[in-house]
N, C-alpha and C. Protein backbone atom coordinates (compact mmCIF):
# COMPACT_ATOMS: atom_id res chain seq x y z
N MET A 1 -7.61 2.45 -17.00
CA MET A 1 -7.55 2.06 -15.60
C MET A 1 -7.73 3.29 -14.72
N THR A 2 -8.56 3.17 -13.72
CA THR A 2 -8.77 4.29 -12.79
C THR A 2 -7.65 4.33 -11.77
N GLU A 3 -7.50 5.46 -11.13
CA GLU A 3 -6.49 5.63 -10.09
C GLU A 3 -7.01 5.04 -8.78
N PRO A 4 -6.13 4.44 -7.99
CA PRO A 4 -6.55 3.95 -6.69
C PRO A 4 -6.83 5.11 -5.74
N LYS A 5 -7.61 4.85 -4.73
CA LYS A 5 -7.92 5.85 -3.71
C LYS A 5 -6.66 6.12 -2.88
N ILE A 6 -6.43 7.38 -2.55
CA ILE A 6 -5.30 7.74 -1.68
C ILE A 6 -5.73 7.45 -0.25
N ALA A 7 -5.07 6.49 0.38
CA ALA A 7 -5.42 6.12 1.75
C ALA A 7 -4.83 7.12 2.75
N ASP A 8 -3.65 7.65 2.42
CA ASP A 8 -2.99 8.64 3.28
C ASP A 8 -1.90 9.31 2.46
N ARG A 9 -1.45 10.47 2.89
CA ARG A 9 -0.40 11.20 2.18
C ARG A 9 0.95 11.08 2.89
N LYS A 10 1.11 9.98 3.61
CA LYS A 10 2.40 9.65 4.24
C LYS A 10 2.49 8.13 4.32
N PRO A 11 3.70 7.59 4.35
CA PRO A 11 3.83 6.14 4.41
C PRO A 11 3.48 5.58 5.79
N ALA A 12 3.17 4.30 5.82
CA ALA A 12 2.99 3.57 7.08
C ALA A 12 4.31 2.85 7.33
N VAL A 13 5.06 3.32 8.30
CA VAL A 13 6.37 2.73 8.61
C VAL A 13 6.15 1.70 9.72
N LEU A 14 6.39 0.43 9.37
CA LEU A 14 6.08 -0.67 10.27
C LEU A 14 7.25 -1.63 10.44
N GLU A 15 7.37 -2.17 11.63
CA GLU A 15 8.32 -3.25 11.91
C GLU A 15 7.58 -4.54 11.59
N MET A 16 8.06 -5.27 10.59
CA MET A 16 7.36 -6.45 10.11
C MET A 16 8.13 -7.72 10.46
N ALA A 17 7.40 -8.74 10.89
CA ALA A 17 7.99 -10.06 11.10
C ALA A 17 8.10 -10.76 9.76
N ALA A 18 8.96 -11.75 9.67
CA ALA A 18 9.03 -12.56 8.46
C ALA A 18 7.66 -13.19 8.23
N GLY A 19 7.25 -13.30 6.97
CA GLY A 19 5.96 -13.89 6.67
C GLY A 19 5.40 -13.37 5.36
N THR A 20 4.15 -13.71 5.10
CA THR A 20 3.46 -13.30 3.88
C THR A 20 2.35 -12.33 4.25
N TYR A 21 2.28 -11.24 3.50
CA TYR A 21 1.28 -10.19 3.74
C TYR A 21 0.65 -9.82 2.40
N TRP A 22 -0.52 -9.22 2.46
CA TRP A 22 -1.20 -8.75 1.26
C TRP A 22 -1.40 -7.24 1.37
N PHE A 23 -0.70 -6.51 0.50
CA PHE A 23 -0.72 -5.04 0.47
C PHE A 23 -1.95 -4.56 -0.31
N CYS A 24 -2.66 -3.61 0.24
CA CYS A 24 -3.82 -3.02 -0.42
C CYS A 24 -3.37 -2.14 -1.58
N ALA A 25 -3.82 -2.46 -2.79
CA ALA A 25 -3.48 -1.67 -3.98
C ALA A 25 -4.59 -0.71 -4.38
N CYS A 26 -5.81 -0.94 -3.88
CA CYS A 26 -6.94 -0.10 -4.29
C CYS A 26 -7.09 1.16 -3.44
N GLY A 27 -6.55 1.12 -2.21
CA GLY A 27 -6.67 2.25 -1.30
C GLY A 27 -7.93 2.25 -0.48
N GLY A 28 -8.79 1.26 -0.67
CA GLY A 28 -10.08 1.24 0.01
C GLY A 28 -10.12 0.46 1.31
N SER A 29 -9.07 -0.26 1.64
CA SER A 29 -9.07 -1.09 2.84
C SER A 29 -9.13 -0.26 4.12
N ALA A 30 -9.88 -0.75 5.08
CA ALA A 30 -9.93 -0.11 6.39
C ALA A 30 -8.75 -0.56 7.25
N LYS A 31 -7.98 -1.52 6.75
CA LYS A 31 -6.83 -2.06 7.50
C LYS A 31 -5.52 -1.66 6.84
N GLN A 32 -5.43 -0.44 6.32
CA GLN A 32 -4.23 0.04 5.64
C GLN A 32 -2.97 -0.21 6.44
N PRO A 33 -1.90 -0.58 5.80
CA PRO A 33 -1.69 -0.69 4.37
C PRO A 33 -2.03 -2.07 3.80
N PHE A 34 -2.73 -2.88 4.59
CA PHE A 34 -3.02 -4.24 4.17
C PHE A 34 -4.44 -4.40 3.64
N CYS A 35 -4.61 -5.43 2.84
CA CYS A 35 -5.89 -5.70 2.18
C CYS A 35 -6.93 -6.25 3.15
N ASP A 36 -8.17 -5.79 3.01
CA ASP A 36 -9.29 -6.35 3.78
C ASP A 36 -10.39 -6.86 2.84
N GLY A 37 -10.08 -6.93 1.54
CA GLY A 37 -11.05 -7.42 0.56
C GLY A 37 -11.90 -6.34 -0.08
N SER A 38 -11.65 -5.08 0.23
CA SER A 38 -12.44 -3.97 -0.32
C SER A 38 -12.37 -3.88 -1.84
N HIS A 39 -11.34 -4.44 -2.45
CA HIS A 39 -11.15 -4.37 -3.90
C HIS A 39 -12.12 -5.25 -4.67
N LYS A 40 -12.77 -6.19 -4.01
CA LYS A 40 -13.60 -7.18 -4.71
C LYS A 40 -14.64 -6.50 -5.59
N GLY A 41 -14.70 -6.97 -6.83
CA GLY A 41 -15.62 -6.40 -7.80
C GLY A 41 -15.01 -5.26 -8.58
N GLY A 42 -13.79 -4.88 -8.25
CA GLY A 42 -13.11 -3.78 -8.94
C GLY A 42 -11.92 -4.27 -9.74
N GLU A 43 -11.18 -3.33 -10.29
CA GLU A 43 -10.06 -3.68 -11.16
C GLU A 43 -8.74 -3.90 -10.43
N PHE A 44 -8.66 -3.57 -9.15
CA PHE A 44 -7.42 -3.69 -8.41
C PHE A 44 -7.33 -5.04 -7.71
N ARG A 45 -6.10 -5.48 -7.52
CA ARG A 45 -5.81 -6.72 -6.81
C ARG A 45 -4.72 -6.45 -5.78
N PRO A 46 -4.77 -7.10 -4.62
CA PRO A 46 -3.72 -6.89 -3.62
C PRO A 46 -2.39 -7.41 -4.12
N LEU A 47 -1.33 -6.87 -3.56
CA LEU A 47 0.03 -7.26 -3.91
C LEU A 47 0.59 -8.15 -2.80
N LYS A 48 1.05 -9.34 -3.18
CA LYS A 48 1.62 -10.27 -2.22
C LYS A 48 3.02 -9.79 -1.82
N VAL A 49 3.26 -9.73 -0.52
CA VAL A 49 4.55 -9.30 0.01
C VAL A 49 5.09 -10.45 0.87
N GLU A 50 6.24 -10.98 0.48
CA GLU A 50 6.85 -12.07 1.23
C GLU A 50 8.17 -11.59 1.83
N LEU A 51 8.27 -11.69 3.14
CA LEU A 51 9.48 -11.28 3.84
C LEU A 51 10.16 -12.50 4.43
N ALA A 52 11.40 -12.73 4.01
CA ALA A 52 12.17 -13.86 4.52
C ALA A 52 12.72 -13.56 5.91
N ASP A 53 12.93 -12.28 6.18
CA ASP A 53 13.49 -11.84 7.46
C ASP A 53 12.69 -10.66 7.99
N PRO A 54 12.73 -10.42 9.29
CA PRO A 54 12.07 -9.23 9.82
C PRO A 54 12.65 -7.97 9.16
N ALA A 55 11.81 -6.96 8.98
CA ALA A 55 12.27 -5.73 8.32
C ALA A 55 11.40 -4.55 8.73
N ARG A 56 12.00 -3.38 8.68
CA ARG A 56 11.26 -2.12 8.87
C ARG A 56 10.93 -1.63 7.46
N ILE A 57 9.65 -1.46 7.17
CA ILE A 57 9.23 -1.10 5.82
C ILE A 57 8.34 0.14 5.87
N ALA A 58 8.59 1.06 4.94
CA ALA A 58 7.73 2.23 4.75
C ALA A 58 6.77 1.87 3.61
N PHE A 59 5.57 1.44 3.97
CA PHE A 59 4.56 1.06 2.99
C PHE A 59 3.90 2.30 2.39
N CYS A 60 3.78 2.32 1.08
CA CYS A 60 3.11 3.41 0.36
C CYS A 60 1.63 3.41 0.72
N GLN A 61 1.10 4.58 1.05
CA GLN A 61 -0.33 4.69 1.29
C GLN A 61 -1.03 5.62 0.30
N CYS A 62 -0.23 6.33 -0.50
CA CYS A 62 -0.86 7.16 -1.54
C CYS A 62 -1.20 6.29 -2.76
N LYS A 63 -0.61 5.09 -2.82
CA LYS A 63 -0.85 4.11 -3.88
C LYS A 63 -0.33 4.56 -5.23
N ARG A 64 0.63 5.48 -5.24
CA ARG A 64 1.20 5.99 -6.50
C ARG A 64 2.69 5.67 -6.65
N SER A 65 3.30 5.04 -5.65
CA SER A 65 4.73 4.73 -5.69
C SER A 65 5.07 3.87 -6.90
N ARG A 66 6.23 4.12 -7.49
CA ARG A 66 6.69 3.28 -8.59
C ARG A 66 7.43 2.05 -8.05
N ASN A 67 7.51 1.95 -6.71
CA ASN A 67 8.22 0.86 -6.07
C ASN A 67 7.28 0.13 -5.08
N GLN A 68 6.02 -0.08 -5.48
CA GLN A 68 5.04 -0.72 -4.61
C GLN A 68 5.55 -2.05 -4.10
N PRO A 69 5.34 -2.37 -2.86
CA PRO A 69 4.51 -1.68 -1.88
C PRO A 69 5.26 -0.62 -1.08
N ARG A 70 6.53 -0.42 -1.41
CA ARG A 70 7.35 0.52 -0.65
C ARG A 70 7.15 1.97 -1.11
N CYS A 71 7.20 2.86 -0.16
CA CYS A 71 7.09 4.29 -0.46
C CYS A 71 8.34 4.77 -1.20
N ASP A 72 8.14 5.58 -2.23
CA ASP A 72 9.27 6.19 -2.94
C ASP A 72 9.22 7.72 -2.87
N GLY A 73 8.36 8.26 -2.01
CA GLY A 73 8.24 9.70 -1.84
C GLY A 73 7.25 10.39 -2.78
N THR A 74 6.58 9.63 -3.62
CA THR A 74 5.63 10.22 -4.58
C THR A 74 4.56 11.04 -3.88
N HIS A 75 4.17 10.66 -2.66
CA HIS A 75 3.12 11.39 -1.93
C HIS A 75 3.45 12.87 -1.78
N LYS A 76 4.74 13.22 -1.79
CA LYS A 76 5.15 14.63 -1.64
C LYS A 76 4.81 15.46 -2.85
N THR A 77 4.54 14.81 -3.98
CA THR A 77 4.26 15.54 -5.22
C THR A 77 2.77 15.62 -5.56
N LEU A 78 1.92 14.99 -4.75
CA LEU A 78 0.49 14.95 -5.04
C LEU A 78 -0.19 16.26 -4.68
N GLN A 79 -1.10 16.65 -5.52
CA GLN A 79 -1.90 17.85 -5.27
C GLN A 79 -2.97 17.54 -4.21
N GLU A 80 -3.28 18.51 -3.38
CA GLU A 80 -4.36 18.35 -2.40
C GLU A 80 -5.67 18.26 -3.14
N GLY A 81 -6.61 17.57 -2.52
CA GLY A 81 -7.95 17.53 -3.11
C GLY A 81 -8.42 16.24 -3.40
């Protein structure tokens, strides 16, 4: 499996309303951190995020978090380049 594209080296911290969202797992979406269909034809699939209540979420944008879709700080350990 190939690595997803790094969309950014910091999380997207957003105030989210209750609802269903699709998190971009490939890193190619122009609507980060959400899916815009850029993964089509590739090995990645978006991650469904269901929020029962409004919440402030730090969405991972490096796509390496072990707690997807939430940021776990992994971006701090990535090498530049």
